[in-house]
C-alpha atoms as a PDB file:
ATOM      1  CA  UNK A   1     129.185-188.966 -55.933  1.00  0.00           C
ATOM      2  CA  UNK A   2     131.805-190.469 -58.282  1.00  0.00           C
ATOM      3  CA  UNK A   3     131.608-189.437 -61.922  1.00  0.00           C
ATOM      4  CA  UNK A   4     131.434-192.271 -64.787  1.00  0.00           C
ATOM      5  CA  UNK A   5     134.587-193.075 -66.223  1.00  0.00           C
ATOM      6  CA  UNK A   6     134.285-192.678 -70.137  1.00  0.00           C
ATOM      7  CA  UNK A   7     134.681-196.245 -72.084  1.00  0.00           C
ATOM      8  CA  UNK A   8     135.801-196.527 -76.061  1.00  0.00           C
ATOM      9  CA  UNK A   9     132.298-196.552 -76.797  1.00  0.00           C
ATOM     10  CA  UNK A  10     131.701-193.228 -75.671  1.00  0.00           C
ATOM     11  CA  UNK A  11     134.306-191.586 -78.459  1.00  0.00           C
ATOM     12  CA  UNK A  12     132.077-190.569 -81.519  1.00  0.00           C
ATOM     13  CA  UNK A  13     133.737-190.978 -84.579  1.00  0.00           C
ATOM     14  CA  UNK A  14     134.663-187.640 -86.863  1.00  0.00           C
ATOM     15  CA  UNK A  15     131.403-187.220 -89.505  1.00  0.00           C
ATOM     16  CA  UNK A  16     132.707-183.432 -89.988  1.00  0.00           C
ATOM     17  CA  UNK A  17     135.655-181.602 -90.020  1.00  0.00           C
ATOM     18  CA  UNK A  18     136.523-180.143 -86.445  1.00  0.00           C
ATOM     19  CA  UNK A  19     137.978-176.719 -85.074  1.00  0.00           C
ATOM     20  CA  UNK A  20     139.814-176.128 -81.932  1.00  0.00           C
ATOM     21  CA  UNK A  21     139.017-172.231 -80.842  1.00  0.00           C
ATOM     22  CA  UNK A  22     141.978-171.272 -78.117  1.00  0.00           C
ATOM     23  CA  UNK A  23     139.562-168.425 -76.040  1.00  0.00           C
ATOM     24  CA  UNK A  24     142.358-167.993 -73.105  1.00  0.00           C
ATOM     25  CA  UNK A  25     145.758-170.325 -71.584  1.00  0.00           C
ATOM     26  CA  UNK A  26     144.647-173.424 -71.253  1.00  0.00           C
ATOM     27  CA  UNK A  27     140.749-172.711 -72.093  1.00  0.00           C
ATOM     28  CA  UNK A  28     139.589-174.329 -75.568  1.00  0.00           C
ATOM     29  CA  UNK A  29     136.323-175.730 -77.465  1.00  0.00           C
ATOM     30  CA  UNK A  30     136.017-178.038 -80.192  1.00  0.00           C
ATOM     31  CA  UNK A  31     133.483-177.764 -82.216  1.00  0.00           C
ATOM     32  CA  UNK A  32     132.310-178.710 -85.961  1.00  0.00           C
ATOM     33  CA  UNK A  33     133.639-176.416 -88.640  1.00  0.00           C
ATOM     34  CA  UNK A  34     129.914-174.858 -89.136  1.00  0.00           C
ATOM     35  CA  UNK A  35     128.747-174.748 -85.712  1.00  0.00           C
ATOM     36  CA  UNK A  36     132.243-173.090 -84.703  1.00  0.00           C
ATOM     37  CA  UNK A  37     131.822-170.449 -87.775  1.00  0.00           C
ATOM     38  CA  UNK A  38     128.264-169.149 -86.324  1.00  0.00           C
ATOM     39  CA  UNK A  39     130.060-169.007 -83.065  1.00  0.00           C
ATOM     40  CA  UNK A  40     132.745-167.022 -84.102  1.00  0.00           C
ATOM     41  CA  UNK A  41     130.324-164.648 -85.854  1.00  0.00           C
ATOM     42  CA  UNK A  42     128.315-164.207 -82.108  1.00  0.00           C
ATOM     43  CA  UNK A  43     131.492-163.835 -80.514  1.00  0.00           C
ATOM     44  CA  UNK A  44     132.054-160.945 -82.973  1.00  0.00           C
ATOM     45  CA  UNK A  45     129.471-159.032 -81.339  1.00  0.00           C
ATOM     46  CA  UNK A  46     130.239-159.663 -77.754  1.00  0.00           C
ATOM     47  CA  UNK A  47     132.243-156.986 -75.557  1.00  0.00           C
ATOM     48  CA  UNK A  48     134.611-158.176 -73.077  1.00  0.00           C
ATOM     49  CA  UNK A  49     133.605-158.240 -69.187  1.00  0.00           C
ATOM     50  CA  UNK A  50     136.328-157.353 -66.909  1.00  0.00           C
ATOM     51  CA  UNK A  51     135.957-158.593 -63.391  1.00  0.00           C
ATOM     52  CA  UNK A  52     139.198-158.082 -61.824  1.00  0.00           C
ATOM     53  CA  UNK A  53     139.084-159.411 -57.265  1.00  0.00           C
ATOM     54  CA  UNK A  54     139.160-155.473 -55.709  1.00  0.00           C
ATOM     55  CA  UNK A  55     138.616-153.615 -58.666  1.00  0.00           C
ATOM     56  CA  UNK A  56     135.015-151.707 -60.136  1.00  0.00           C
ATOM     57  CA  UNK A  57     133.561-154.296 -63.108  1.00  0.00           C
ATOM     58  CA  UNK A  58     134.069-152.859 -66.480  1.00  0.00           C
ATOM     59  CA  UNK A  59     132.095-153.703 -69.676  1.00  0.00           C
ATOM     60  CA  UNK A  60     134.380-152.753 -73.189  1.00  0.00           C
ATOM     61  CA  UNK A  61     137.729-152.913 -74.582  1.00  0.00           C
ATOM     62  CA  UNK A  62     138.640-155.143 -77.084  1.00  0.00           C
ATOM     63  CA  UNK A  63     138.267-158.929 -77.056  1.00  0.00           C
ATOM     64  CA  UNK A  64     141.381-160.610 -76.665  1.00  0.00           C
ATOM     65  CA  UNK A  65     143.237-162.623 -79.593  1.00  0.00           C
ATOM     66  CA  UNK A  66     140.646-166.098 -80.192  1.00  0.00           C
ATOM     67  CA  UNK A  67     142.660-168.585 -82.399  1.00  0.00           C
ATOM     68  CA  UNK A  68     140.182-170.891 -84.640  1.00  0.00           C
ATOM     69  CA  UNK A  69     142.494-174.047 -86.069  1.00  0.00           C
ATOM     70  CA  UNK A  70     141.438-176.816 -88.026  1.00  0.00           C
ATOM     71  CA  UNK A  71     141.900-180.274 -85.987  1.00  0.00           C
ATOM     72  CA  UNK A  72     142.876-183.500 -88.115  1.00  0.00           C
ATOM     73  CA  UNK A  73     140.935-187.005 -87.484  1.00  0.00           C
ATOM     74  CA  UNK A  74     144.080-188.068 -86.260  1.00  0.00           C
ATOM     75  CA  UNK A  75     144.752-185.113 -83.767  1.00  0.00           C
ATOM     76  CA  UNK A  76     141.197-185.448 -82.666  1.00  0.00           C
ATOM     77  CA  UNK A  77     140.522-189.194 -81.992  1.00  0.00           C
ATOM     78  CA  UNK A  78     144.595-189.148 -80.285  1.00  0.00           C
ATOM     79  CA  UNK A  79     143.233-186.151 -77.623  1.00  0.00           C
ATOM     80  CA  UNK A  80     140.001-188.436 -77.367  1.00  0.00           C
ATOM     81  CA  UNK A  81     141.869-191.253 -76.899  1.00  0.00           C
ATOM     82  CA  UNK A  82     144.580-189.668 -74.044  1.00  0.00           C
ATOM     83  CA  UNK A  83     141.279-188.625 -72.340  1.00  0.00           C
ATOM     84  CA  UNK A  84     140.148-192.215 -71.498  1.00  0.00           C
ATOM     85  CA  UNK A  85     143.645-193.647 -70.686  1.00  0.00           C
ATOM     86  CA  UNK A  86     144.318-190.521 -68.567  1.00  0.00           C
ATOM     87  CA  UNK A  87     140.832-188.566 -67.359  1.00  0.00           C
ATOM     88  CA  UNK A  88     141.654-185.570 -65.427  1.00  0.00           C
ATOM     89  CA  UNK A  89     141.369-185.550 -61.888  1.00  0.00           C
ATOM     90  CA  UNK A  90     138.276-184.423 -60.376  1.00  0.00           C
ATOM     91  CA  UNK A  91     138.591-181.089 -58.632  1.00  0.00           C
ATOM     92  CA  UNK A  92     139.403-181.645 -54.875  1.00  0.00           C
ATOM     93  CA  UNK A  93     141.579-184.517 -55.050  1.00  0.00           C
END
């Protein structure tokens, strides 16, 4: 099954401030500020789950650093356009 390639119409104009939340190297989320704040308040109640291959699974300790970065409208639009111009290749290609 081939995924539909996004078009310029798929870029929704930013209506509110956005925030990038870095969860780990190469993994981040982009959310409106209000929802990002709610997510971070929930994450503050979470415990880390540690699952390393070949070792017992553990729950506990401190969460690694989560970075909360405001994104300007220009940065948001530039990243969205880059996705349209150079979409990531599907896994396995």
